[in-house]
Amino acid sequence: MHFNELSMEMFLSRFQLLQPGTGEMSRNARQAAVLVPVVRRRQPGLLLTRRSPRLRKHAGQVAFPGGAADSTDPSLVATALREACEEVSIPPDVVDIIGVLPAVDSVTGFSVTPVVGVIPPGIHYHANQDEVADVFEMPLAEALHLARYHPLDVYRQNNAHRVWLSWYQHYFVWGMTAGIIRQVALQIGMDT
């Protein structure tokens, strides 16, 4: 599929993931989850945030809404929904969860589960200013265009770790966020 031919119907039909269960959270590893919000439009969008420059970790970086699991969260899906509500005011009951991607290890020691959900257009986002500087939407077809991502191999403790880099308008999209977007593109079979 070419990147400029992606409609909402095509995206949903190609996204062949199982519905997530309420999976138990590991007590041995720090768990986190992010919501990968796809905005339901004829030409869908991908909702992203830019983290506050005042944050201690990942300040100013483009990210999906999400964060660490609380002991009161019944699942990692619930974590992603709670965090999206806290960070950008996406009501959990309007999110149609369509699947989860495999967990990704973060450099800060979390196992991060990407939860893919479809949200309606017209939500009035209210960024939590303590955590989020900007909320923006990127056309999903453009976001999933694999050729826009460039690899960079970083070495930590003598181990190679590949990170992906990209730009959208004046936003630098890289690291885990770019990797998750690439994983969605690979999942649905986007062309380069």
C-alpha atoms as a PDB file:
ATOM      1  CA  MET A   1       0.000   0.000   0.000  1.00  0.00           C
ATOM      2  CA  HIS A   2       1.345   3.426  -0.899  1.00  0.00           C
ATOM      3  CA  PHE A   3       1.435   5.937   1.946  1.00  0.00           C
ATOM      4  CA  ASN A   4      -0.934   8.503   0.407  1.00  0.00           C
ATOM      5  CA  GLU A   5      -3.728   5.953  -0.186  1.00  0.00           C
ATOM      6  CA  LEU A   6      -4.585   5.299   3.468  1.00  0.00           C
ATOM      7  CA  SER A   7      -8.208   5.768   4.504  1.00  0.00           C
ATOM      8  CA  MET A   8      -9.667   4.996   7.926  1.00  0.00           C
ATOM      9  CA  GLU A   9     -11.356   1.881   6.520  1.00  0.00           C
ATOM     10  CA  MET A  10      -8.081   0.641   4.993  1.00  0.00           C
ATOM     11  CA  PHE A  11      -6.207   1.246   8.226  1.00  0.00           C
ATOM     12  CA  LEU A  12      -8.760  -0.637  10.322  1.00  0.00           C
ATOM     13  CA  SER A  13      -9.021  -3.537   7.888  1.00  0.00           C
ATOM     14  CA  ARG A  14      -5.230  -3.931   7.702  1.00  0.00           C
ATOM     15  CA  PHE A  15      -4.626  -3.629  11.412  1.00  0.00           C
ATOM     16  CA  GLN A  16      -4.832  -7.326  12.253  1.00  0.00           C
ATOM     17  CA  LEU A  17      -4.122  -7.336  15.975  1.00  0.00           C
ATOM     18  CA  LEU A  18      -6.029  -9.263  18.605  1.00  0.00           C
ATOM     19  CA  GLN A  19      -8.157  -7.293  21.022  1.00  0.00           C
ATOM     20  CA  PRO A  20      -6.110  -6.807  24.191  1.00  0.00           C
ATOM     21  CA  GLY A  21      -7.069  -8.685  27.317  1.00  0.00           C
ATOM     22  CA  THR A  22      -6.951  -7.250  30.782  1.00  0.00           C
ATOM     23  CA  GLY A  23      -3.482  -8.805  31.224  1.00  0.00           C
ATOM     24  CA  GLU A  24      -1.863  -8.836  34.609  1.00  0.00           C
ATOM     25  CA  MET A  25       0.992  -6.420  35.205  1.00  0.00           C
ATOM     26  CA  SER A  26       4.358  -7.820  36.113  1.00  0.00           C
ATOM     27  CA  ARG A  27       5.438  -7.118  39.669  1.00  0.00           C
ATOM     28  CA  ASN A  28       9.086  -7.662  38.709  1.00  0.00           C
ATOM     29  CA  ALA A  29       9.444  -4.955  36.060  1.00  0.00           C
ATOM     30  CA  ARG A  30       8.361  -1.349  35.921  1.00  0.00           C
ATOM     31  CA  GLN A  31       5.380  -1.269  33.584  1.00  0.00           C
ATOM     32  CA  ALA A  32       4.079   1.641  31.526  1.00  0.00           C
ATOM     33  CA  ALA A  33       1.676   2.118  28.634  1.00  0.00           C
ATOM     34  CA  VAL A  34       1.027   4.721  25.961  1.00  0.00           C
ATOM     35  CA  LEU A  35      -2.082   5.372  23.932  1.00  0.00           C
ATOM     36  CA  VAL A  36      -1.481   5.507  20.170  1.00  0.00           C
ATOM     37  CA  PRO A  37      -4.551   7.623  19.273  1.00  0.00           C
ATOM     38  CA  VAL A  38      -5.744   7.415  15.672  1.00  0.00           C
ATOM     39  CA  VAL A  39      -8.275  10.147  14.909  1.00  0.00           C
ATOM     40  CA  ARG A  40     -11.273   8.752  13.021  1.00  0.00           C
ATOM     41  CA  ARG A  41     -11.522  10.772   9.822  1.00  0.00           C
ATOM     42  CA  ARG A  42     -11.864   9.833   6.162  1.00  0.00           C
ATOM     43  CA  GLN A  43      -8.130  10.564   6.048  1.00  0.00           C
ATOM     44  CA  PRO A  44      -7.132   9.584   9.613  1.00  0.00           C
ATOM     45  CA  GLY A  45      -4.731  11.458  11.834  1.00  0.00           C
ATOM     46  CA  LEU A  46      -2.271  10.421  14.526  1.00  0.00           C
ATOM     47  CA  LEU A  47      -2.434  12.416  17.752  1.00  0.00           C
ATOM     48  CA  LEU A  48       0.902  13.239  19.375  1.00  0.00           C
ATOM     49  CA  THR A  49       2.105  15.464  22.186  1.00  0.00           C
ATOM     50  CA  ARG A  50       5.253  17.421  22.885  1.00  0.00           C
ATOM     51  CA  ARG A  51       6.261  16.965  26.481  1.00  0.00           C
ATOM     52  CA  SER A  52       6.723  19.962  28.727  1.00  0.00           C
ATOM     53  CA  PRO A  53      10.246  21.421  28.740  1.00  0.00           C
ATOM     54  CA  ARG A  54       9.995  21.501  32.570  1.00  0.00           C
ATOM     55  CA  LEU A  55       9.871  17.721  32.944  1.00  0.00           C
ATOM     56  CA  ARG A  56      12.797  15.940  34.547  1.00  0.00           C
ATOM     57  CA  LYS A  57      12.882  13.127  31.937  1.00  0.00           C
ATOM     58  CA  HIS A  58      12.335  13.373  28.182  1.00  0.00           C
ATOM     59  CA  ALA A  59      11.645  17.121  28.405  1.00  0.00           C
ATOM     60  CA  GLY A  60      10.415  18.619  25.131  1.00  0.00           C
ATOM     61  CA  GLN A  61      10.249  15.300  23.299  1.00  0.00           C
ATOM     62  CA  VAL A  62       7.411  14.252  21.005  1.00  0.00           C
ATOM     63  CA  ALA A  63       5.495  11.408  22.633  1.00  0.00           C
ATOM     64  CA  PHE A  64       2.238   9.546  22.849  1.00  0.00           C
ATOM     65  CA  PRO A  65       0.137  10.209  25.938  1.00  0.00           C
ATOM     66  CA  GLY A  66       1.059   7.658  28.560  1.00  0.00           C
ATOM     67  CA  GLY A  67       3.073   6.815  31.609  1.00  0.00           C
ATOM     68  CA  ALA A  68       3.774   4.444  34.444  1.00  0.00           C
ATOM     69  CA  ALA A  69       1.194   1.949  35.619  1.00  0.00           C
ATOM     70  CA  ASP A  70      -0.440   2.587  38.978  1.00  0.00           C
ATOM     71  CA  SER A  71      -1.183  -0.266  41.361  1.00  0.00           C
ATOM     72  CA  THR A  72      -4.885   0.611  40.974  1.00  0.00           C
ATOM     73  CA  ASP A  73      -4.854   0.135  37.174  1.00  0.00           C
ATOM     74  CA  PRO A  74      -6.539  -3.185  36.334  1.00  0.00           C
ATOM     75  CA  SER A  75      -4.558  -3.508  33.079  1.00  0.00           C
ATOM     76  CA  LEU A  76      -2.049  -1.738  30.884  1.00  0.00           C
ATOM     77  CA  VAL A  77      -4.915  -0.720  28.598  1.00  0.00           C
ATOM     78  CA  ALA A  78      -6.435   1.033  31.627  1.00  0.00           C
ATOM     79  CA  THR A  79      -3.050   2.691  32.273  1.00  0.00           C
ATOM     80  CA  ALA A  80      -2.918   4.082  28.724  1.00  0.00           C
ATOM     81  CA  LEU A  81      -6.492   5.367  28.937  1.00  0.00           C
ATOM     82  CA  ARG A  82      -5.981   6.955  32.380  1.00  0.00           C
ATOM     83  CA  GLU A  83      -2.774   8.677  31.290  1.00  0.00           C
ATOM     84  CA  ALA A  84      -4.351   9.980  28.046  1.00  0.00           C
ATOM     85  CA  CYS A  85      -7.203  11.440  30.080  1.00  0.00           C
ATOM     86  CA  GLU A  86      -4.815  13.015  32.616  1.00  0.00           C
ATOM     87  CA  GLU A  87      -2.424  14.427  30.003  1.00  0.00           C
ATOM     88  CA  VAL A  88      -4.708  15.641  27.205  1.00  0.00           C
ATOM     89  CA  SER A  89      -8.311  15.088  28.419  1.00  0.00           C
ATOM     90  CA  ILE A  90      -9.244  12.220  26.096  1.00  0.00           C
ATOM     91  CA  PRO A  91     -12.252  10.614  27.811  1.00  0.00           C
ATOM     92  CA  PRO A  92     -11.580   6.863  28.177  1.00  0.00           C
ATOM     93  CA  ASP A  93     -15.101   5.953  27.090  1.00  0.00           C
ATOM     94  CA  VAL A  94     -14.649   7.486  23.606  1.00  0.00           C
ATOM     95  CA  VAL A  95     -11.568   5.391  22.773  1.00  0.00           C
ATOM     96  CA  ASP A  96     -12.169   2.289  20.668  1.00  0.00           C
ATOM     97  CA  ILE A  97      -9.239  -0.004  21.503  1.00  0.00           C
ATOM     98  CA  ILE A  98      -8.256  -1.948  18.396  1.00  0.00           C
ATOM     99  CA  GLY A  99      -5.147  -3.717  19.676  1.00  0.00           C
ATOM    100  CA  VAL A 100      -1.806  -3.610  21.386  1.00  0.00           C
ATOM    101  CA  LEU A 101       1.720  -3.827  20.070  1.00  0.00           C
ATOM    102  CA  PRO A 102       4.521  -5.750  21.757  1.00  0.00           C
ATOM    103  CA  ALA A 103       6.046  -3.955  24.731  1.00  0.00           C
ATOM    104  CA  VAL A 104       9.104  -1.823  24.106  1.00  0.00           C
ATOM    105  CA  ASP A 105      11.941  -1.390  26.593  1.00  0.00           C
ATOM    106  CA  SER A 106      12.659   2.242  27.422  1.00  0.00           C
ATOM    107  CA  VAL A 107      16.041   3.667  28.318  1.00  0.00           C
ATOM    108  CA  THR A 108      14.563   4.642  31.693  1.00  0.00           C
ATOM    109  CA  GLY A 109      13.910   1.015  32.632  1.00  0.00           C
ATOM    110  CA  PHE A 110      10.210   0.666  31.794  1.00  0.00           C
ATOM    111  CA  SER A 111       8.482  -1.971  29.733  1.00  0.00           C
ATOM    112  CA  VAL A 112       6.139   0.232  27.664  1.00  0.00           C
ATOM    113  CA  THR A 113       3.035  -1.277  26.057  1.00  0.00           C
ATOM    114  CA  PRO A 114       1.620   0.664  23.078  1.00  0.00           C
ATOM    115  CA  VAL A 115      -2.198   0.547  23.078  1.00  0.00           C
ATOM    116  CA  VAL A 116      -3.705   1.472  19.710  1.00  0.00           C
ATOM    117  CA  GLY A 117      -7.076   3.173  19.888  1.00  0.00           C
ATOM    118  CA  VAL A 118      -9.368   5.099  17.579  1.00  0.00           C
ATOM    119  CA  ILE A 119     -10.758   8.398  18.854  1.00  0.00           C
ATOM    120  CA  PRO A 120     -13.492  10.589  17.373  1.00  0.00           C
ATOM    121  CA  PRO A 121     -12.665  13.907  15.721  1.00  0.00           C
ATOM    122  CA  GLY A 122     -13.662  17.052  17.545  1.00  0.00           C
ATOM    123  CA  ILE A 123     -12.375  16.189  21.016  1.00  0.00           C
ATOM    124  CA  HIS A 124     -11.364  19.366  22.815  1.00  0.00           C
ATOM    125  CA  TYR A 125      -7.888  18.510  24.040  1.00  0.00           C
ATOM    126  CA  HIS A 126      -6.821  20.207  27.226  1.00  0.00           C
ATOM    127  CA  ALA A 127      -3.109  19.719  27.778  1.00  0.00           C
ATOM    128  CA  ASN A 128      -2.003  19.230  31.377  1.00  0.00           C
ATOM    129  CA  GLN A 129       0.566  22.043  31.429  1.00  0.00           C
ATOM    130  CA  ASP A 130       2.722  20.223  33.977  1.00  0.00           C
ATOM    131  CA  GLU A 131       3.287  17.412  31.476  1.00  0.00           C
ATOM    132  CA  VAL A 132       2.369  18.540  27.950  1.00  0.00           C
ATOM    133  CA  ALA A 133       3.497  21.624  26.015  1.00  0.00           C
ATOM    134  CA  ASP A 134       1.667  20.909  22.712  1.00  0.00           C
ATOM    135  CA  VAL A 135      -0.931  18.552  21.291  1.00  0.00           C
ATOM    136  CA  PHE A 136      -0.839  18.104  17.517  1.00  0.00           C
ATOM    137  CA  GLU A 137      -2.170  15.834  14.819  1.00  0.00           C
ATOM    138  CA  MET A 138      -0.108  14.357  12.011  1.00  0.00           C
ATOM    139  CA  PRO A 139      -1.788  12.792   8.962  1.00  0.00           C
ATOM    140  CA  LEU A 140      -1.661   9.040   9.589  1.00  0.00           C
ATOM    141  CA  ALA A 141      -0.612   8.301   5.995  1.00  0.00           C
ATOM    142  CA  GLU A 142       2.349  10.630   6.415  1.00  0.00           C
ATOM    143  CA  ALA A 143       3.219   9.258   9.864  1.00  0.00           C
ATOM    144  CA  LEU A 144       3.250   5.677   8.557  1.00  0.00           C
ATOM    145  CA  HIS A 145       5.446   6.459   5.529  1.00  0.00           C
ATOM    146  CA  LEU A 146       8.466   4.275   6.374  1.00  0.00           C
ATOM    147  CA  ALA A 147      10.919   6.265   4.247  1.00  0.00           C
ATOM    148  CA  ARG A 148      10.545   9.259   6.571  1.00  0.00           C
ATOM    149  CA  TYR A 149      12.358   7.407   9.393  1.00  0.00           C
ATOM    150  CA  HIS A 150      16.135   7.297   9.465  1.00  0.00           C
ATOM    151  CA  PRO A 151      18.121   4.882  11.624  1.00  0.00           C
ATOM    152  CA  LEU A 152      20.791   5.875  14.100  1.00  0.00           C
ATOM    153  CA  ASP A 153      22.763   3.250  15.987  1.00  0.00           C
ATOM    154  CA  VAL A 154      23.586   4.286  19.534  1.00  0.00           C
ATOM    155  CA  TYR A 155      25.910   2.302  21.759  1.00  0.00           C
ATOM    156  CA  ARG A 156      25.112   1.832  25.436  1.00  0.00           C
ATOM    157  CA  GLN A 157      27.297  -0.388  27.580  1.00  0.00           C
ATOM    158  CA  ASN A 158      28.916  -1.814  24.421  1.00  0.00           C
ATOM    159  CA  ASN A 159      25.529  -2.840  22.977  1.00  0.00           C
ATOM    160  CA  ALA A 160      24.172  -1.383  19.745  1.00  0.00           C
ATOM    161  CA  HIS A 161      20.682   0.068  20.027  1.00  0.00           C
ATOM    162  CA  ARG A 162      18.900   1.389  16.931  1.00  0.00           C
ATOM    163  CA  VAL A 163      16.780   4.505  17.256  1.00  0.00           C
ATOM    164  CA  TRP A 164      14.671   6.098  14.524  1.00  0.00           C
ATOM    165  CA  LEU A 165      14.608   9.784  13.628  1.00  0.00           C
ATOM    166  CA  SER A 166      12.109  11.887  11.683  1.00  0.00           C
ATOM    167  CA  TRP A 167      10.732  15.414  11.363  1.00  0.00           C
ATOM    168  CA  TYR A 168       7.146  16.569  11.007  1.00  0.00           C
ATOM    169  CA  GLN A 169       6.781  20.316  10.476  1.00  0.00           C
ATOM    170  CA  HIS A 170       8.866  21.727  13.362  1.00  0.00           C
ATOM    171  CA  TYR A 171       8.553  18.593  15.524  1.00  0.00           C
ATOM    172  CA  PHE A 172      11.465  16.172  15.883  1.00  0.00           C
ATOM    173  CA  VAL A 173      10.022  12.667  16.241  1.00  0.00           C
ATOM    174  CA  TRP A 174      12.521  10.090  17.401  1.00  0.00           C
ATOM    175  CA  GLY A 175      13.348   7.269  19.785  1.00  0.00           C
ATOM    176  CA  MET A 176      10.565   5.134  21.206  1.00  0.00           C
ATOM    177  CA  THR A 177       7.792   7.238  19.648  1.00  0.00           C
ATOM    178  CA  ALA A 178       9.245   6.937  16.138  1.00  0.00           C
ATOM    179  CA  GLY A 179       9.851   3.224  16.740  1.00  0.00           C
ATOM    180  CA  ILE A 180       6.217   2.656  17.747  1.00  0.00           C
ATOM    181  CA  ILE A 181       4.946   4.523  14.683  1.00  0.00           C
ATOM    182  CA  ARG A 182       7.236   2.427  12.466  1.00  0.00           C
ATOM    183  CA  GLN A 183       5.904  -0.732  14.133  1.00  0.00           C
ATOM    184  CA  VAL A 184       2.327   0.282  13.273  1.00  0.00           C
ATOM    185  CA  ALA A 185       3.424   0.935   9.658  1.00  0.00           C
ATOM    186  CA  LEU A 186       5.075  -2.477   9.473  1.00  0.00           C
ATOM    187  CA  GLN A 187       2.012  -4.083  11.049  1.00  0.00           C
ATOM    188  CA  ILE A 188      -0.280  -2.815   8.302  1.00  0.00           C
ATOM    189  CA  GLY A 189       2.231  -3.321   5.478  1.00  0.00           C
ATOM    190  CA  MET A 190       2.976   0.253   4.433  1.00  0.00           C
ATOM    191  CA  ASP A 191       5.354   0.738   1.493  1.00  0.00           C
ATOM    192  CA  THR A 192       8.481   2.800   1.747  1.00  0.00           C
END
